[in-house]
mmCIF file of all heavy atoms, coordinates in Angstrom:
data_MODEL
# 
_entry.id   MODEL 
# 
loop_
_atom_site.group_PDB 
_atom_site.id 
_atom_site.type_symbol 
_atom_site.label_atom_id 
_atom_site.label_alt_id 
_atom_site.label_comp_id 
_atom_site.label_asym_id 
_atom_site.label_entity_id 
_atom_site.label_seq_id 
_atom_site.pdbx_PDB_ins_code 
_atom_site.Cartn_x 
_atom_site.Cartn_y 
_atom_site.Cartn_z 
_atom_site.occupancy 
_atom_site.B_iso_or_equiv 
_atom_site.pdbx_formal_charge 
_atom_site.auth_seq_id 
_atom_site.auth_comp_id 
_atom_site.auth_asym_id 
_atom_site.auth_atom_id 
_atom_site.pdbx_PDB_model_num 
ATOM 1   N N   . SER A 1 1  ? 179.677 11.651 -25.056 1.00 0.00 ? 1  SER A N   1 
ATOM 2   C CA  . SER A 1 1  ? 179.808 11.220 -23.665 1.00 0.00 ? 1  SER A CA  1 
ATOM 3   C C   . SER A 1 1  ? 179.044 12.108 -22.683 1.00 0.00 ? 1  SER A C   1 
ATOM 4   O O   . SER A 1 1  ? 178.482 11.688 -21.722 1.00 0.00 ? 1  SER A O   1 
ATOM 5   C CB  . SER A 1 1  ? 181.254 11.093 -23.248 1.00 0.00 ? 1  SER A CB  1 
ATOM 6   O OG  . SER A 1 1  ? 181.904 12.336 -23.397 1.00 0.00 ? 1  SER A OG  1 
ATOM 7   N N   . THR A 1 2  ? 179.037 13.429 -23.050 1.00 0.00 ? 2  THR A N   1 
ATOM 8   C CA  . THR A 1 2  ? 178.303 14.404 -22.170 1.00 0.00 ? 2  THR A CA  1 
ATOM 9   C C   . THR A 1 2  ? 176.798 14.115 -22.227 1.00 0.00 ? 2  THR A C   1 
ATOM 10  O O   . THR A 1 2  ? 176.128 14.098 -21.189 1.00 0.00 ? 2  THR A O   1 
ATOM 11  C CB  . THR A 1 2  ? 178.574 15.824 -22.597 1.00 0.00 ? 2  THR A CB  1 
ATOM 12  O OG1 . THR A 1 2  ? 179.988 16.070 -22.512 1.00 0.00 ? 2  THR A OG1 1 
ATOM 13  C CG2 . THR A 1 2  ? 177.839 16.826 -21.745 1.00 0.00 ? 2  THR A CG2 1 
ATOM 14  N N   . LEU A 1 3  ? 176.298 13.867 -23.450 1.00 0.00 ? 3  LEU A N   1 
ATOM 15  C CA  . LEU A 1 3  ? 174.865 13.521 -23.618 1.00 0.00 ? 3  LEU A CA  1 
ATOM 16  C C   . LEU A 1 3  ? 174.546 12.199 -22.934 1.00 0.00 ? 3  LEU A C   1 
ATOM 17  O O   . LEU A 1 3  ? 173.478 12.086 -22.317 1.00 0.00 ? 3  LEU A O   1 
ATOM 18  C CB  . LEU A 1 3  ? 174.519 13.486 -25.068 1.00 0.00 ? 3  LEU A CB  1 
ATOM 19  C CG  . LEU A 1 3  ? 173.043 13.305 -25.431 1.00 0.00 ? 3  LEU A CG  1 
ATOM 20  C CD1 . LEU A 1 3  ? 172.173 14.291 -24.743 1.00 0.00 ? 3  LEU A CD1 1 
ATOM 21  C CD2 . LEU A 1 3  ? 172.850 13.288 -26.962 1.00 0.00 ? 3  LEU A CD2 1 
ATOM 22  N N   . LEU A 1 4  ? 175.409 11.246 -23.053 1.00 0.00 ? 4  LEU A N   1 
ATOM 23  C CA  . LEU A 1 4  ? 175.211 9.979  -22.364 1.00 0.00 ? 4  LEU A CA  1 
ATOM 24  C C   . LEU A 1 4  ? 174.981 10.227 -20.882 1.00 0.00 ? 4  LEU A C   1 
ATOM 25  O O   . LEU A 1 4  ? 174.049 9.677  -20.290 1.00 0.00 ? 4  LEU A O   1 
ATOM 26  C CB  . LEU A 1 4  ? 176.385 9.052  -22.580 1.00 0.00 ? 4  LEU A CB  1 
ATOM 27  C CG  . LEU A 1 4  ? 176.440 8.175  -23.804 1.00 0.00 ? 4  LEU A CG  1 
ATOM 28  C CD1 . LEU A 1 4  ? 177.814 7.475  -23.790 1.00 0.00 ? 4  LEU A CD1 1 
ATOM 29  C CD2 . LEU A 1 4  ? 175.335 7.179  -23.877 1.00 0.00 ? 4  LEU A CD2 1 
ATOM 30  N N   . SER A 1 5  ? 175.832 10.993 -20.327 1.00 0.00 ? 5  SER A N   1 
ATOM 31  C CA  . SER A 1 5  ? 175.779 11.264 -18.864 1.00 0.00 ? 5  SER A CA  1 
ATOM 32  C C   . SER A 1 5  ? 174.500 12.044 -18.510 1.00 0.00 ? 5  SER A C   1 
ATOM 33  O O   . SER A 1 5  ? 173.835 11.760 -17.515 1.00 0.00 ? 5  SER A O   1 
ATOM 34  C CB  . SER A 1 5  ? 177.014 12.041 -18.393 1.00 0.00 ? 5  SER A CB  1 
ATOM 35  O OG  . SER A 1 5  ? 176.960 12.334 -17.040 1.00 0.00 ? 5  SER A OG  1 
ATOM 36  N N   . GLN A 1 6  ? 174.168 13.058 -19.330 1.00 0.00 ? 6  GLN A N   1 
ATOM 37  C CA  . GLN A 1 6  ? 173.003 13.866 -19.082 1.00 0.00 ? 6  GLN A CA  1 
ATOM 38  C C   . GLN A 1 6  ? 171.700 13.064 -19.068 1.00 0.00 ? 6  GLN A C   1 
ATOM 39  O O   . GLN A 1 6  ? 170.822 13.292 -18.323 1.00 0.00 ? 6  GLN A O   1 
ATOM 40  C CB  . GLN A 1 6  ? 172.893 15.009 -20.150 1.00 0.00 ? 6  GLN A CB  1 
ATOM 41  C CG  . GLN A 1 6  ? 173.953 16.078 -19.987 1.00 0.00 ? 6  GLN A CG  1 
ATOM 42  C CD  . GLN A 1 6  ? 173.862 17.076 -21.126 1.00 0.00 ? 6  GLN A CD  1 
ATOM 43  O OE1 . GLN A 1 6  ? 173.171 16.864 -22.117 1.00 0.00 ? 6  GLN A OE1 1 
ATOM 44  N NE2 . GLN A 1 6  ? 174.555 18.235 -20.988 1.00 0.00 ? 6  GLN A NE2 1 
ATOM 45  N N   . LEU A 1 7  ? 171.673 12.056 -19.955 1.00 0.00 ? 7  LEU A N   1 
ATOM 46  C CA  . LEU A 1 7  ? 170.511 11.234 -20.051 1.00 0.00 ? 7  LEU A CA  1 
ATOM 47  C C   . LEU A 1 7  ? 170.487 10.020 -19.093 1.00 0.00 ? 7  LEU A C   1 
ATOM 48  O O   . LEU A 1 7  ? 169.455 9.333  -19.002 1.00 0.00 ? 7  LEU A O   1 
ATOM 49  C CB  . LEU A 1 7  ? 170.308 10.717 -21.480 1.00 0.00 ? 7  LEU A CB  1 
ATOM 50  C CG  . LEU A 1 7  ? 169.986 11.770 -22.526 1.00 0.00 ? 7  LEU A CG  1 
ATOM 51  C CD1 . LEU A 1 7  ? 169.923 11.158 -23.930 1.00 0.00 ? 7  LEU A CD1 1 
ATOM 52  C CD2 . LEU A 1 7  ? 168.794 12.555 -22.250 1.00 0.00 ? 7  LEU A CD2 1 
ATOM 53  N N   . GLY A 1 8  ? 171.585 9.837  -18.394 1.00 0.00 ? 8  GLY A N   1 
ATOM 54  C CA  . GLY A 1 8  ? 171.649 8.785  -17.383 1.00 0.00 ? 8  GLY A CA  1 
ATOM 55  C C   . GLY A 1 8  ? 172.131 7.460  -17.927 1.00 0.00 ? 8  GLY A C   1 
ATOM 56  O O   . GLY A 1 8  ? 171.939 6.413  -17.256 1.00 0.00 ? 8  GLY A O   1 
ATOM 57  N N   . PHE A 1 9  ? 172.761 7.449  -19.084 1.00 0.00 ? 9  PHE A N   1 
ATOM 58  C CA  . PHE A 1 9  ? 173.310 6.216  -19.652 1.00 0.00 ? 9  PHE A CA  1 
ATOM 59  C C   . PHE A 1 9  ? 174.760 6.068  -19.243 1.00 0.00 ? 9  PHE A C   1 
ATOM 60  O O   . PHE A 1 9  ? 175.456 7.025  -18.912 1.00 0.00 ? 9  PHE A O   1 
ATOM 61  C CB  . PHE A 1 9  ? 173.228 6.205  -21.152 1.00 0.00 ? 9  PHE A CB  1 
ATOM 62  C CG  . PHE A 1 9  ? 171.865 6.097  -21.755 1.00 0.00 ? 9  PHE A CG  1 
ATOM 63  C CD1 . PHE A 1 9  ? 171.339 7.176  -22.488 1.00 0.00 ? 9  PHE A CD1 1 
ATOM 64  C CD2 . PHE A 1 9  ? 171.059 5.024  -21.509 1.00 0.00 ? 9  PHE A CD2 1 
ATOM 65  C CE1 . PHE A 1 9  ? 170.087 7.110  -23.062 1.00 0.00 ? 9  PHE A CE1 1 
ATOM 66  C CE2 . PHE A 1 9  ? 169.802 4.954  -22.065 1.00 0.00 ? 9  PHE A CE2 1 
ATOM 67  C CZ  . PHE A 1 9  ? 169.302 5.962  -22.809 1.00 0.00 ? 9  PHE A CZ  1 
ATOM 68  N N   . SER A 1 10 ? 175.251 4.822  -19.279 1.00 0.00 ? 10 SER A N   1 
ATOM 69  C CA  . SER A 1 10 ? 176.656 4.588  -19.019 1.00 0.00 ? 10 SER A CA  1 
ATOM 70  C C   . SER A 1 10 ? 177.317 4.180  -20.355 1.00 0.00 ? 10 SER A C   1 
ATOM 71  O O   . SER A 1 10 ? 176.655 3.856  -21.340 1.00 0.00 ? 10 SER A O   1 
ATOM 72  C CB  . SER A 1 10 ? 176.869 3.471  -18.011 1.00 0.00 ? 10 SER A CB  1 
ATOM 73  O OG  . SER A 1 10 ? 176.547 2.196  -18.611 1.00 0.00 ? 10 SER A OG  1 
ATOM 74  N N   . GLU A 1 11 ? 178.641 4.238  -20.403 1.00 0.00 ? 11 GLU A N   1 
ATOM 75  C CA  . GLU A 1 11 ? 179.428 3.929  -21.585 1.00 0.00 ? 11 GLU A CA  1 
ATOM 76  C C   . GLU A 1 11 ? 179.236 2.457  -22.058 1.00 0.00 ? 11 GLU A C   1 
ATOM 77  O O   . GLU A 1 11 ? 179.378 2.104  -23.257 1.00 0.00 ? 11 GLU A O   1 
ATOM 78  C CB  . GLU A 1 11 ? 180.915 4.163  -21.364 1.00 0.00 ? 11 GLU A CB  1 
ATOM 79  C CG  . GLU A 1 11 ? 181.248 5.633  -21.082 1.00 0.00 ? 11 GLU A CG  1 
ATOM 80  C CD  . GLU A 1 11 ? 181.248 6.520  -22.281 1.00 0.00 ? 11 GLU A CD  1 
ATOM 81  O OE1 . GLU A 1 11 ? 181.123 5.979  -23.432 1.00 0.00 ? 11 GLU A OE1 1 
ATOM 82  O OE2 . GLU A 1 11 ? 181.294 7.772  -22.125 1.00 0.00 ? 11 GLU A OE2 1 
ATOM 83  N N   . THR A 1 12 ? 178.843 1.593  -21.109 1.00 0.00 ? 12 THR A N   1 
ATOM 84  C CA  . THR A 1 12 ? 178.730 0.157  -21.449 1.00 0.00 ? 12 THR A CA  1 
ATOM 85  C C   . THR A 1 12 ? 177.272 -0.251 -21.811 1.00 0.00 ? 12 THR A C   1 
ATOM 86  O O   . THR A 1 12 ? 177.020 -1.378 -22.130 1.00 0.00 ? 12 THR A O   1 
ATOM 87  C CB  . THR A 1 12 ? 179.156 -0.685 -20.272 1.00 0.00 ? 12 THR A CB  1 
ATOM 88  O OG1 . THR A 1 12 ? 178.390 -0.315 -19.101 1.00 0.00 ? 12 THR A OG1 1 
ATOM 89  C CG2 . THR A 1 12 ? 180.653 -0.455 -19.966 1.00 0.00 ? 12 THR A CG2 1 
ATOM 90  N N   . ASP A 1 13 ? 176.321 0.694  -21.737 1.00 0.00 ? 13 ASP A N   1 
ATOM 91  C CA  . ASP A 1 13 ? 174.936 0.411  -22.090 1.00 0.00 ? 13 ASP A CA  1 
ATOM 92  C C   . ASP A 1 13 ? 174.806 0.146  -23.572 1.00 0.00 ? 13 ASP A C   1 
ATOM 93  O O   . ASP A 1 13 ? 175.412 0.783  -24.391 1.00 0.00 ? 13 ASP A O   1 
ATOM 94  C CB  . ASP A 1 13 ? 173.997 1.543  -21.649 1.00 0.00 ? 13 ASP A CB  1 
ATOM 95  C CG  . ASP A 1 13 ? 173.745 1.621  -20.179 1.00 0.00 ? 13 ASP A CG  1 
ATOM 96  O OD1 . ASP A 1 13 ? 173.889 0.555  -19.524 1.00 0.00 ? 13 ASP A OD1 1 
ATOM 97  O OD2 . ASP A 1 13 ? 173.433 2.699  -19.691 1.00 0.00 ? 13 ASP A OD2 1 
ATOM 98  N N   . MET A 1 14 ? 173.959 -0.830 -23.901 1.00 0.00 ? 14 MET A N   1 
ATOM 99  C CA  . MET A 1 14 ? 173.535 -1.046 -25.273 1.00 0.00 ? 14 MET A CA  1 
ATOM 100 C C   . MET A 1 14 ? 172.210 -0.301 -25.471 1.00 0.00 ? 14 MET A C   1 
ATOM 101 O O   . MET A 1 14 ? 171.192 -0.700 -24.862 1.00 0.00 ? 14 MET A O   1 
ATOM 102 C CB  . MET A 1 14 ? 173.357 -2.550 -25.583 1.00 0.00 ? 14 MET A CB  1 
ATOM 103 C CG  . MET A 1 14 ? 172.763 -2.917 -26.890 1.00 0.00 ? 14 MET A CG  1 
ATOM 104 S SD  . MET A 1 14 ? 173.792 -2.566 -28.311 1.00 0.00 ? 14 MET A SD  1 
ATOM 105 C CE  . MET A 1 14 ? 175.231 -3.557 -27.948 1.00 0.00 ? 14 MET A CE  1 
ATOM 106 N N   . ILE A 1 15 ? 172.200 0.756  -26.231 1.00 0.00 ? 15 ILE A N   1 
ATOM 107 C CA  . ILE A 1 15 ? 171.060 1.643  -26.336 1.00 0.00 ? 15 ILE A CA  1 
ATOM 108 C C   . ILE A 1 15 ? 170.239 1.315  -27.560 1.00 0.00 ? 15 ILE A C   1 
ATOM 109 O O   . ILE A 1 15 ? 170.740 1.346  -28.708 1.00 0.00 ? 15 ILE A O   1 
ATOM 110 C CB  . ILE A 1 15 ? 171.490 3.130  -26.343 1.00 0.00 ? 15 ILE A CB  1 
ATOM 111 C CG1 . ILE A 1 15 ? 172.294 3.430  -25.073 1.00 0.00 ? 15 ILE A CG1 1 
ATOM 112 C CG2 . ILE A 1 15 ? 170.281 4.034  -26.476 1.00 0.00 ? 15 ILE A CG2 1 
ATOM 113 C CD1 . ILE A 1 15 ? 172.888 4.822  -25.067 1.00 0.00 ? 15 ILE A CD1 1 
ATOM 114 N N   . VAL A 1 16 ? 168.941 1.047  -27.302 1.00 0.00 ? 16 VAL A N   1 
ATOM 115 C CA  . VAL A 1 16 ? 168.001 0.784  -28.406 1.00 0.00 ? 16 VAL A CA  1 
ATOM 116 C C   . VAL A 1 16 ? 166.980 1.913  -28.440 1.00 0.00 ? 16 VAL A C   1 
ATOM 117 O O   . VAL A 1 16 ? 166.361 2.165  -27.424 1.00 0.00 ? 16 VAL A O   1 
ATOM 118 C CB  . VAL A 1 16 ? 167.263 -0.573 -28.184 1.00 0.00 ? 16 VAL A CB  1 
ATOM 119 C CG1 . VAL A 1 16 ? 166.298 -0.836 -29.328 1.00 0.00 ? 16 VAL A CG1 1 
ATOM 120 C CG2 . VAL A 1 16 ? 168.280 -1.716 -28.053 1.00 0.00 ? 16 VAL A CG2 1 
ATOM 121 N N   . SER A 1 17 ? 166.871 2.568  -29.582 1.00 0.00 ? 17 SER A N   1 
ATOM 122 C CA  . SER A 1 17 ? 166.033 3.790  -29.641 1.00 0.00 ? 17 SER A CA  1 
ATOM 123 C C   . SER A 1 17 ? 164.836 3.593  -30.604 1.00 0.00 ? 17 SER A C   1 
ATOM 124 O O   . SER A 1 17 ? 164.972 2.986  -31.662 1.00 0.00 ? 17 SER A O   1 
ATOM 125 C CB  . SER A 1 17 ? 166.904 4.972  -30.142 1.00 0.00 ? 17 SER A CB  1 
ATOM 126 O OG  . SER A 1 17 ? 166.117 6.161  -30.286 1.00 0.00 ? 17 SER A OG  1 
ATOM 127 N N   . TYR A 1 18 ? 163.764 4.185  -30.181 1.00 0.00 ? 18 TYR A N   1 
ATOM 128 C CA  . TYR A 1 18 ? 162.541 4.254  -31.051 1.00 0.00 ? 18 TYR A CA  1 
ATOM 129 C C   . TYR A 1 18 ? 162.184 5.716  -31.297 1.00 0.00 ? 18 TYR A C   1 
ATOM 130 O O   . TYR A 1 18 ? 161.650 6.391  -30.456 1.00 0.00 ? 18 TYR A O   1 
ATOM 131 C CB  . TYR A 1 18 ? 161.335 3.554  -30.391 1.00 0.00 ? 18 TYR A CB  1 
ATOM 132 C CG  . TYR A 1 18 ? 160.034 3.768  -31.101 1.00 0.00 ? 18 TYR A CG  1 
ATOM 133 C CD1 . TYR A 1 18 ? 159.888 3.420  -32.446 1.00 0.00 ? 18 TYR A CD1 1 
ATOM 134 C CD2 . TYR A 1 18 ? 158.910 4.285  -30.413 1.00 0.00 ? 18 TYR A CD2 1 
ATOM 135 C CE1 . TYR A 1 18 ? 158.697 3.655  -33.112 1.00 0.00 ? 18 TYR A CE1 1 
ATOM 136 C CE2 . TYR A 1 18 ? 157.707 4.461  -31.057 1.00 0.00 ? 18 TYR A CE2 1 
ATOM 137 C CZ  . TYR A 1 18 ? 157.606 4.153  -32.427 1.00 0.00 ? 18 TYR A CZ  1 
ATOM 138 O OH  . TYR A 1 18 ? 156.394 4.327  -33.079 1.00 0.00 ? 18 TYR A OH  1 
ATOM 139 N N   . PRO A 1 19 ? 162.496 6.232  -32.511 1.00 0.00 ? 19 PRO A N   1 
ATOM 140 C CA  . PRO A 1 19 ? 162.160 7.630  -32.824 1.00 0.00 ? 19 PRO A CA  1 
ATOM 141 C C   . PRO A 1 19 ? 160.821 7.749  -33.512 1.00 0.00 ? 19 PRO A C   1 
ATOM 142 O O   . PRO A 1 19 ? 160.679 8.230  -34.645 1.00 0.00 ? 19 PRO A O   1 
ATOM 143 C CB  . PRO A 1 19 ? 163.314 7.995  -33.847 1.00 0.00 ? 19 PRO A CB  1 
ATOM 144 C CG  . PRO A 1 19 ? 163.599 6.718  -34.495 1.00 0.00 ? 19 PRO A CG  1 
ATOM 145 C CD  . PRO A 1 19 ? 163.299 5.591  -33.530 1.00 0.00 ? 19 PRO A CD  1 
ATOM 146 N N   . GLY A 1 20 ? 159.817 7.282  -32.811 1.00 0.00 ? 20 GLY A N   1 
ATOM 147 C CA  . GLY A 1 20 ? 158.443 7.322  -33.403 1.00 0.00 ? 20 GLY A CA  1 
ATOM 148 C C   . GLY A 1 20 ? 157.472 8.183  -32.655 1.00 0.00 ? 20 GLY A C   1 
ATOM 149 O O   . GLY A 1 20 ? 157.748 9.342  -32.355 1.00 0.00 ? 20 GLY A O   1 
ATOM 150 N N   . GLU A 1 21 ? 156.299 7.676  -32.336 1.00 0.00 ? 21 GLU A N   1 
ATOM 151 C CA  . GLU A 1 21 ? 155.298 8.461  -31.669 1.00 0.00 ? 21 GLU A CA  1 
ATOM 152 C C   . GLU A 1 21 ? 154.667 7.572  -30.565 1.00 0.00 ? 21 GLU A C   1 
ATOM 153 O O   . GLU A 1 21 ? 154.653 6.375  -30.646 1.00 0.00 ? 21 GLU A O   1 
ATOM 154 C CB  . GLU A 1 21 ? 154.193 8.919  -32.633 1.00 0.00 ? 21 GLU A CB  1 
ATOM 155 C CG  . GLU A 1 21 ? 154.719 9.890  -33.666 1.00 0.00 ? 21 GLU A CG  1 
ATOM 156 C CD  . GLU A 1 21 ? 153.579 10.540 -34.457 1.00 0.00 ? 21 GLU A CD  1 
ATOM 157 O OE1 . GLU A 1 21 ? 152.465 10.645 -33.892 1.00 0.00 ? 21 GLU A OE1 1 
ATOM 158 O OE2 . GLU A 1 21 ? 153.798 10.927 -35.578 1.00 0.00 ? 21 GLU A OE2 1 
ATOM 159 N N   . PHE A 1 22 ? 154.148 8.275  -29.507 1.00 0.00 ? 22 PHE A N   1 
ATOM 160 C CA  . PHE A 1 22 ? 153.581 7.514  -28.399 1.00 0.00 ? 22 PHE A CA  1 
ATOM 161 C C   . PHE A 1 22 ? 152.298 6.785  -28.767 1.00 0.00 ? 22 PHE A C   1 
ATOM 162 O O   . PHE A 1 22 ? 152.148 5.604  -28.377 1.00 0.00 ? 22 PHE A O   1 
ATOM 163 C CB  . PHE A 1 22 ? 153.281 8.481  -27.249 1.00 0.00 ? 22 PHE A CB  1 
ATOM 164 C CG  . PHE A 1 22 ? 154.495 8.815  -26.416 1.00 0.00 ? 22 PHE A CG  1 
ATOM 165 C CD1 . PHE A 1 22 ? 155.105 10.048 -26.480 1.00 0.00 ? 22 PHE A CD1 1 
ATOM 166 C CD2 . PHE A 1 22 ? 155.053 7.894  -25.505 1.00 0.00 ? 22 PHE A CD2 1 
ATOM 167 C CE1 . PHE A 1 22 ? 156.197 10.345 -25.759 1.00 0.00 ? 22 PHE A CE1 1 
ATOM 168 C CE2 . PHE A 1 22 ? 156.126 8.186  -24.723 1.00 0.00 ? 22 PHE A CE2 1 
ATOM 169 C CZ  . PHE A 1 22 ? 156.702 9.417  -24.863 1.00 0.00 ? 22 PHE A CZ  1 
ATOM 170 N N   . VAL A 1 23 ? 151.402 7.492  -29.446 1.00 0.00 ? 23 VAL A N   1 
ATOM 171 C CA  . VAL A 1 23 ? 150.051 6.871  -29.691 1.00 0.00 ? 23 VAL A CA  1 
ATOM 172 C C   . VAL A 1 23 ? 149.929 6.378  -31.136 1.00 0.00 ? 23 VAL A C   1 
ATOM 173 O O   . VAL A 1 23 ? 149.505 5.247  -31.389 1.00 0.00 ? 23 VAL A O   1 
ATOM 174 C CB  . VAL A 1 23 ? 148.936 7.884  -29.336 1.00 0.00 ? 23 VAL A CB  1 
ATOM 175 C CG1 . VAL A 1 23 ? 147.610 7.345  -29.708 1.00 0.00 ? 23 VAL A CG1 1 
ATOM 176 C CG2 . VAL A 1 23 ? 149.024 8.199  -27.838 1.00 0.00 ? 23 VAL A CG2 1 
ATOM 177 N N   . ARG A 1 24 ? 150.213 7.271  -32.093 1.00 0.00 ? 24 ARG A N   1 
ATOM 178 C CA  . ARG A 1 24 ? 150.076 6.822  -33.461 1.00 0.00 ? 24 ARG A CA  1 
ATOM 179 C C   . ARG A 1 24 ? 151.169 5.806  -33.823 1.00 0.00 ? 24 ARG A C   1 
ATOM 180 O O   . ARG A 1 24 ? 152.160 5.679  -33.090 1.00 0.00 ? 24 ARG A O   1 
ATOM 181 C CB  . ARG A 1 24 ? 150.226 8.077  -34.403 1.00 0.00 ? 24 ARG A CB  1 
ATOM 182 C CG  . ARG A 1 24 ? 149.089 9.079  -34.201 1.00 0.00 ? 24 ARG A CG  1 
ATOM 183 C CD  . ARG A 1 24 ? 149.300 10.302 -35.053 1.00 0.00 ? 24 ARG A CD  1 
ATOM 184 N NE  . ARG A 1 24 ? 149.139 9.982  -36.498 1.00 0.00 ? 24 ARG A NE  1 
ATOM 185 C CZ  . ARG A 1 24 ? 149.253 10.989 -37.414 1.00 0.00 ? 24 ARG A CZ  1 
ATOM 186 N NH1 . ARG A 1 24 ? 149.527 12.250 -37.094 1.00 0.00 ? 24 ARG A NH1 1 
ATOM 187 N NH2 . ARG A 1 24 ? 149.047 10.674 -38.703 1.00 0.00 ? 24 ARG A NH2 1 
# 
């Protein structure tokens, strides 16, 4: 919950993440 707040997310957000690279 602390990290959620630090990154600006709310508890109700559905978070989709891409752990890749910007260009490659």
